[in-house]
Protein backbone atom coordinates (compact mmCIF):
# COMPACT_ATOMS: atom_id res chain seq x y z
CA LEU A 1 3.36 12.88 -2.72
CA LEU A 2 0.42 14.21 -4.67
CA ALA A 3 -2.91 12.45 -4.57
CA ALA A 4 -6.48 13.10 -5.54
CA PRO A 5 -9.14 12.41 -2.92
CA ILE A 6 -10.71 8.99 -3.28
CA ILE A 7 -14.44 9.33 -2.68
CA ILE A 8 -16.84 6.45 -2.18
CA ASN A 9 -20.04 6.66 -4.20
CA GLN A 10 -23.08 4.66 -3.11
CA PRO A 11 -23.47 1.65 -3.27
CA GLN A 12 -19.67 1.22 -3.02
CA SER A 13 -18.28 0.25 0.38
CA ALA A 14 -14.55 0.58 -0.35
CA ILE A 15 -12.08 1.74 -2.99
CA LEU A 16 -8.46 0.63 -3.33
CA GLY A 17 -6.24 3.27 -4.91
CA VAL A 18 -2.87 2.17 -6.32
CA GLY A 19 -0.31 4.72 -7.44
CA LYS A 20 2.33 4.59 -10.13
CA LEU A 21 5.18 2.11 -9.66
CA GLU A 22 8.40 4.14 -9.36
CA LYS A 23 12.01 3.45 -8.46
CA ARG A 24 12.81 4.94 -5.03
CA PRO A 25 15.74 4.78 -2.60
CA VAL A 26 15.09 2.30 0.23
CA VAL A 27 17.15 1.19 3.25
CA VAL A 28 17.76 -2.57 2.93
CA ASP A 29 19.12 -4.79 5.74
CA GLU A 30 21.86 -7.13 4.51
CA GLY A 31 23.15 -9.07 7.49
CA ASP A 32 24.76 -6.58 9.87
CA GLU A 33 24.75 -3.78 7.29
CA GLU A 34 22.13 -1.36 6.10
CA LYS A 35 22.44 -0.22 2.50
CA ILE A 36 20.54 2.30 0.45
CA MET A 37 19.31 0.62 -2.72
CA VAL A 38 16.88 1.50 -5.48
CA ARG A 39 13.67 -0.55 -5.37
CA PRO A 40 10.28 -0.30 -7.09
CA ARG A 41 7.67 1.31 -4.82
CA CYS A 42 4.13 2.64 -5.09
CA TYR A 43 1.59 4.22 -2.76
CA VAL A 44 -1.55 2.26 -1.86
CA THR A 45 -4.64 3.85 -0.29
CA LEU A 46 -7.79 2.17 0.97
CA THR A 47 -10.89 4.28 1.55
CA LEU A 48 -13.81 2.51 3.17
CA ASP A 49 -17.22 3.05 4.71
CA HIS A 50 -16.77 2.23 8.41
CA ARG A 51 -20.47 1.42 8.67
CA VAL A 52 -19.80 -1.59 6.41
CA MET A 53 -16.31 -2.71 7.44
CA ASP A 54 -14.19 -2.40 10.57
CA GLY A 55 -10.98 -0.41 10.14
CA HIS A 56 -8.96 -3.17 11.83
CA ARG A 57 -10.04 -5.70 9.21
CA ALA A 58 -9.19 -3.22 6.43
CA ASN A 59 -5.73 -2.73 7.96
CA ARG A 60 -5.18 -6.50 8.01
CA PHE A 61 -6.10 -6.58 4.32
CA LEU A 62 -3.55 -3.84 3.54
CA GLU A 63 -0.86 -5.63 5.56
CA ALA A 64 -1.50 -8.85 3.61
CA LEU A 65 -1.41 -6.93 0.31
CA VAL A 66 1.91 -5.26 1.21
CA HIS A 67 3.37 -8.61 2.28
CA THR A 68 2.24 -10.31 -0.94
CA LEU A 69 3.59 -7.55 -3.17
CA GLY A 70 6.85 -7.40 -1.20
CA ALA A 71 7.40 -11.14 -1.67
CA TRP A 72 6.84 -10.91 -5.44
CA PRO A 73 9.94 -12.12 -7.33
CA ALA A 74 11.86 -9.34 -9.07
């Protein structure tokens, strides 16, 4: 994992960084079995000014984003 620092410049309050979509091995539950399969994955980073937004709210946003992207039809 290589990443450049994401720096907030005034008057920004947050920046969402999205990495390249790549095929990666992932453990997938299929009933009683776990299989290693290749799935598209990317890294997502959220940098925010905690004076403007609470970290808990930002985490809820990231959880919703991950859920939405994970439910996207292939």
